[in-house]
Amino acid sequence: MKIIPIKTHKIKAFEEDIFLILDKYVRRMPEGSILAVTSKIISLCEGRVVKIGDVDKDELIKSEAEFFLPRKLSRYKIIFAIKNGILAPSAGIDESNADGYYVLWPKDPQETANEIRKYLKRKFRLKRVGVVITDSKTTPLRMGTSGVAIAHSGFEALLDYIGTPDIFGRKLKMTKANIMDALAATAVLVMGEGAEQTPLAIIEDLPFVKFKSSDPSKSELRDLKIELDDDLYAPMLKAVKWRKGLRPVG
């Protein structure tokens, strides 16, 4: 696998169009490659920002969350939230590299991923091309952040090993590799999370990825999520009383 970060100009809210940015900076896409795009530049292009000081951040987080935990429960005074089926501190709202704004997640990251894939397919006349929209996440009991996918298009997000034998012939019963998040994590590592100014990356040489010519189906997207009651970490996640946010569950 090879990842090539792409440097851009400083992208600011209300001044940009994501497809003009892609036109300017993505000059090549090999057959069988995936473009990683940070969610932040999509949000900035969409104007999904709120000026810091113009709104109460707690209320903004609640408006973006499906469920949340009050700030008082956190030692570090962070509001934990569930949004789009993802556990996200502050419902994904960020202040870094935003020039005085709170940056929200894109309005519909899945639709944007689909549209970017179609754009790349047309522009470069490709049969096999994918898109992954990335953000950062924290992992319990681990210091630091890593990348996570909030949307994908053009490839199978999960690699199912269930029923296949391990090296000793024992059939695997549970294993599904999360290709989508693994690609996001490696791409974010290369793109950086500070002042690198490389919000795009081309991921190529991907023999383990199964490309698709269609958008992810509703059932495929549904299969990526785990209901709280069924989650491996349900005993911990359900030990607290989640409050309902203003964002519809879905």
Protein backbone atom coordinates (compact mmCIF):
# COMPACT_ATOMS: atom_id res chain seq x y z
CA MET A 1 0.00 0.00 0.00
CA LYS A 2 1.21 3.49 -0.87
CA ILE A 3 -0.21 6.79 0.40
CA ILE A 4 0.57 10.13 -1.25
CA PRO A 5 -0.54 13.26 0.66
CA ILE A 6 -1.63 16.30 -1.36
CA LYS A 7 -0.81 19.81 -0.15
CA THR A 8 -3.38 22.54 -0.75
CA HIS A 9 -3.81 26.23 -0.01
CA LYS A 10 -5.42 27.28 3.28
CA ILE A 11 -9.04 26.32 2.92
CA LYS A 12 -11.47 28.72 4.61
CA ALA A 13 -15.18 28.68 5.28
CA PHE A 14 -17.58 30.15 2.71
CA GLU A 15 -14.81 30.70 0.15
CA GLU A 16 -14.41 27.28 -1.45
CA ASP A 17 -16.00 24.54 -3.56
CA ILE A 18 -14.86 20.98 -2.90
CA PHE A 19 -14.92 20.03 -6.59
CA LEU A 20 -12.85 23.06 -7.58
CA ILE A 21 -10.33 22.02 -4.92
CA LEU A 22 -10.24 18.50 -6.34
CA ASP A 23 -9.89 19.90 -9.88
CA LYS A 24 -6.92 21.97 -8.82
CA TYR A 25 -4.98 19.50 -6.70
CA VAL A 26 -5.92 15.94 -7.68
CA ARG A 27 -4.06 15.63 -10.97
CA ARG A 28 -3.87 11.84 -11.13
CA MET A 29 -5.80 8.85 -9.82
CA PRO A 30 -4.49 5.41 -10.78
CA GLU A 31 -6.92 2.60 -11.55
CA GLY A 32 -7.74 0.79 -8.30
CA SER A 33 -6.95 3.69 -5.97
CA ILE A 34 -8.84 5.51 -3.21
CA LEU A 35 -8.95 9.23 -2.44
CA ALA A 36 -8.96 10.15 1.25
CA VAL A 37 -10.60 13.50 2.02
CA THR A 38 -10.69 15.09 5.46
CA SER A 39 -14.22 15.85 6.56
CA LYS A 40 -13.17 19.32 7.67
CA ILE A 41 -12.54 20.70 4.19
CA ILE A 42 -15.92 19.40 3.06
CA SER A 43 -17.58 21.13 6.02
CA LEU A 44 -15.72 24.37 5.30
CA CYS A 45 -16.87 24.23 1.68
CA GLU A 46 -20.45 23.59 2.78
CA GLY A 47 -20.37 26.41 5.32
CA ARG A 48 -21.02 23.91 8.11
CA VAL A 49 -19.45 26.25 10.65
CA VAL A 50 -20.57 28.49 13.50
CA LYS A 51 -18.59 31.49 14.70
CA ILE A 52 -17.09 30.88 18.13
CA GLY A 53 -18.88 33.22 20.54
CA ASP A 54 -22.12 33.29 18.54
CA VAL A 55 -23.52 30.14 20.12
CA ASP A 56 -23.30 28.10 23.31
CA LYS A 57 -21.07 25.15 22.44
CA ASP A 58 -22.97 22.73 24.67
CA GLU A 59 -26.23 23.54 22.89
CA LEU A 60 -24.51 23.17 19.52
CA ILE A 61 -23.21 19.73 20.48
CA LYS A 62 -26.67 18.64 21.64
CA SER A 63 -28.17 19.81 18.35
CA GLU A 64 -25.68 17.65 16.42
CA ALA A 65 -25.87 14.56 18.65
CA GLU A 66 -28.23 11.61 18.53
CA PHE A 67 -27.34 10.87 22.16
CA PHE A 68 -25.00 12.60 24.60
CA LEU A 69 -23.60 12.51 28.13
CA PRO A 70 -23.50 15.71 30.20
CA ARG A 71 -20.16 17.48 30.51
CA LYS A 72 -20.17 17.04 34.30
CA LEU A 73 -19.64 13.28 33.91
CA SER A 74 -16.24 13.78 32.28
CA ARG A 75 -13.10 14.47 34.28
CA TYR A 76 -11.97 16.61 31.35
CA LYS A 77 -15.38 18.30 30.94
CA ILE A 78 -16.00 16.78 27.52
CA ILE A 79 -19.46 16.03 26.18
CA PHE A 80 -19.44 12.52 24.76
CA ALA A 81 -21.92 11.94 21.97
CA ILE A 82 -23.16 9.36 19.51
CA LYS A 83 -23.59 10.69 15.99
CA ASN A 84 -24.18 8.72 12.79
CA GLY A 85 -23.63 5.59 14.86
CA ILE A 86 -20.14 6.71 15.88
CA LEU A 87 -18.97 7.52 19.41
CA ALA A 88 -17.64 11.05 18.97
CA PRO A 89 -16.48 13.53 21.63
CA SER A 90 -18.29 16.85 21.12
CA ALA A 91 -20.36 15.22 18.33
CA GLY A 92 -17.41 15.69 16.00
CA ILE A 93 -17.35 19.49 16.42
CA ASP A 94 -13.81 20.83 16.11
CA GLU A 95 -12.02 24.17 16.44
CA SER A 96 -8.57 23.41 14.99
CA ASN A 97 -7.53 24.87 11.62
CA ALA A 98 -10.87 26.67 11.48
CA ASP A 99 -9.98 30.38 11.81
CA GLY A 100 -12.31 31.15 14.71
CA TYR A 101 -15.17 28.79 13.87
CA TYR A 102 -16.66 25.65 15.29
CA VAL A 103 -16.59 23.14 12.44
CA LEU A 104 -19.40 20.60 12.29
CA TRP A 105 -19.39 17.35 10.35
CA PRO A 106 -20.54 17.60 6.72
CA LYS A 107 -24.29 17.72 6.19
CA ASP A 108 -24.42 14.33 4.42
CA PRO A 109 -20.94 12.79 4.27
CA GLN A 110 -22.18 9.64 2.55
CA GLU A 111 -23.79 11.56 -0.30
CA THR A 112 -20.63 13.65 -0.68
CA ALA A 113 -18.46 10.52 -0.81
CA ASN A 114 -20.70 9.12 -3.55
CA GLU A 115 -20.54 12.34 -5.57
CA ILE A 116 -16.75 12.61 -5.26
CA ARG A 117 -16.37 9.01 -6.44
CA LYS A 118 -18.54 9.70 -9.49
CA TYR A 119 -16.53 12.85 -10.21
CA LEU A 120 -13.22 10.96 -10.05
CA LYS A 121 -14.60 8.15 -12.19
CA ARG A 122 -15.64 10.63 -14.91
CA LYS A 123 -12.57 12.83 -14.77
CA PHE A 124 -9.99 10.05 -14.89
CA ARG A 125 -12.10 7.47 -16.80
CA LEU A 126 -11.72 4.86 -14.11
CA LYS A 127 -13.54 1.60 -13.50
CA ARG A 128 -12.23 0.99 -9.97
CA VAL A 129 -11.96 4.02 -7.71
CA GLY A 130 -12.98 4.72 -4.14
CA VAL A 131 -13.40 7.55 -1.65
CA VAL A 132 -13.05 7.63 2.12
CA ILE A 133 -13.99 10.70 4.18
CA THR A 134 -11.93 10.89 7.34
CA ASP A 135 -11.96 12.43 10.78
CA SER A 136 -10.01 11.83 14.00
CA LYS A 137 -11.01 9.73 16.98
CA THR A 138 -9.70 8.74 20.37
CA THR A 139 -9.48 5.14 21.59
CA PRO A 140 -10.33 4.25 25.20
CA LEU A 141 -7.26 3.46 27.31
CA ARG A 142 -4.92 4.69 24.55
CA MET A 143 -3.15 8.05 24.40
CA GLY A 144 -3.44 10.04 21.18
CA THR A 145 -5.74 10.22 18.18
CA SER A 146 -6.05 8.22 15.00
CA GLY A 147 -8.14 8.39 11.85
CA VAL A 148 -11.65 7.05 11.38
CA ALA A 149 -13.94 6.94 8.36
CA ILE A 150 -17.27 8.74 8.52
CA ALA A 151 -18.22 7.74 4.95
CA HIS A 152 -16.92 5.67 2.06
CA SER A 153 -17.83 4.86 -1.52
CA GLY A 154 -16.64 2.56 -4.29
CA PHE A 155 -15.36 -0.38 -2.25
CA GLU A 156 -16.47 -2.97 0.29
CA ALA A 157 -15.97 -1.53 3.77
CA LEU A 158 -15.69 -4.91 5.49
CA LEU A 159 -13.60 -7.96 4.63
CA ASP A 160 -15.46 -10.99 5.95
CA TYR A 161 -13.30 -13.86 7.23
CA ILE A 162 -16.18 -15.76 8.86
CA GLY A 163 -16.16 -19.40 7.78
CA THR A 164 -12.63 -19.27 6.38
CA PRO A 165 -9.87 -21.34 8.01
CA ASP A 166 -7.03 -19.88 10.06
CA ILE A 167 -3.46 -21.16 9.60
CA PHE A 168 -4.30 -24.29 11.63
CA GLY A 169 -7.52 -25.05 9.77
CA ARG A 170 -9.86 -23.75 12.47
CA LYS A 171 -12.81 -21.91 10.94
CA LEU A 172 -13.10 -18.29 12.00
CA LYS A 173 -16.42 -17.42 13.64
CA MET A 174 -16.31 -13.69 14.34
CA THR A 175 -13.62 -11.93 12.31
CA LYS A 176 -14.50 -9.10 9.95
CA ALA A 177 -11.70 -6.69 9.01
CA ASN A 178 -12.79 -3.04 8.91
CA ILE A 179 -11.12 -1.94 5.68
CA MET A 180 -12.82 1.46 5.71
CA ASP A 181 -11.48 2.56 9.11
CA ALA A 182 -8.07 0.96 8.52
CA LEU A 183 -7.62 2.99 5.34
CA ALA A 184 -8.78 6.14 7.13
CA ALA A 185 -6.33 5.57 9.99
CA THR A 186 -3.34 5.14 7.70
CA ALA A 187 -4.35 8.06 5.49
CA VAL A 188 -4.79 10.42 8.46
CA LEU A 189 -1.39 9.34 9.77
CA VAL A 190 0.20 10.46 6.49
CA MET A 191 -1.96 13.58 6.03
CA GLY A 192 -1.23 14.72 9.58
CA GLU A 193 -3.43 16.43 12.15
CA GLY A 194 -1.62 19.73 12.69
CA ALA A 195 -0.38 22.40 10.29
CA GLU A 196 0.65 20.04 7.48
CA GLN A 197 -2.02 21.47 5.14
CA THR A 198 -2.46 18.14 3.34
CA PRO A 199 -6.20 17.36 3.59
CA LEU A 200 -6.18 14.97 0.63
CA ALA A 201 -4.31 11.74 -0.02
CA ILE A 202 -4.21 9.14 -2.77
CA ILE A 203 -4.09 5.55 -1.51
CA GLU A 204 -2.89 3.04 -4.11
CA ASP A 205 -1.54 -0.52 -4.43
CA LEU A 206 -4.54 -2.07 -2.68
CA PRO A 207 -4.75 -5.78 -3.54
CA PHE A 208 -6.90 -6.46 -0.46
CA VAL A 209 -9.64 -3.98 -1.42
CA LYS A 210 -12.72 -5.16 -3.31
CA PHE A 211 -13.86 -2.28 -5.49
CA LYS A 212 -17.48 -1.70 -6.49
CA SER A 213 -19.00 0.30 -9.34
CA SER A 214 -21.99 1.40 -7.25
CA ASP A 215 -22.69 3.45 -4.15
CA PRO A 216 -22.95 1.52 -0.87
CA SER A 217 -26.47 0.16 -0.46
CA LYS A 218 -28.64 0.95 2.55
CA SER A 219 -28.15 -2.59 3.83
CA GLU A 220 -24.36 -2.34 3.45
CA LEU A 221 -24.32 0.92 5.41
CA ARG A 222 -26.59 -0.61 8.03
CA ASP A 223 -24.23 -3.57 8.42
CA LEU A 224 -21.42 -1.20 9.43
CA LYS A 225 -23.28 -0.17 12.58
CA ILE A 226 -23.88 -2.11 15.78
CA GLU A 227 -26.89 -1.44 17.98
CA LEU A 228 -25.96 -0.42 21.50
CA ASP A 229 -27.54 -3.55 23.01
CA ASP A 230 -25.50 -5.80 20.70
CA ASP A 231 -22.17 -4.04 21.09
CA LEU A 232 -19.25 -5.89 22.65
CA TYR A 233 -18.82 -2.94 25.02
CA ALA A 234 -22.52 -2.72 25.91
CA PRO A 235 -21.92 -3.36 29.65
CA MET A 236 -19.85 -0.17 29.81
CA LEU A 237 -21.79 1.91 27.30
CA LYS A 238 -25.10 1.13 29.00
CA ALA A 239 -23.75 1.75 32.50
CA VAL A 240 -24.41 5.46 31.96
CA LYS A 241 -27.67 7.19 31.18
CA TRP A 242 -27.48 8.63 27.67
CA ARG A 243 -29.61 11.68 26.99
CA LYS A 244 -31.44 12.21 23.72
CA GLY A 245 -29.90 14.81 21.43
CA LEU A 246 -31.77 16.83 18.82
CA ARG A 247 -30.43 14.93 15.81
CA PRO A 248 -32.70 12.11 14.57
CA VAL A 249 -31.29 8.61 15.01
CA GLY A 250 -30.38 7.03 11.70
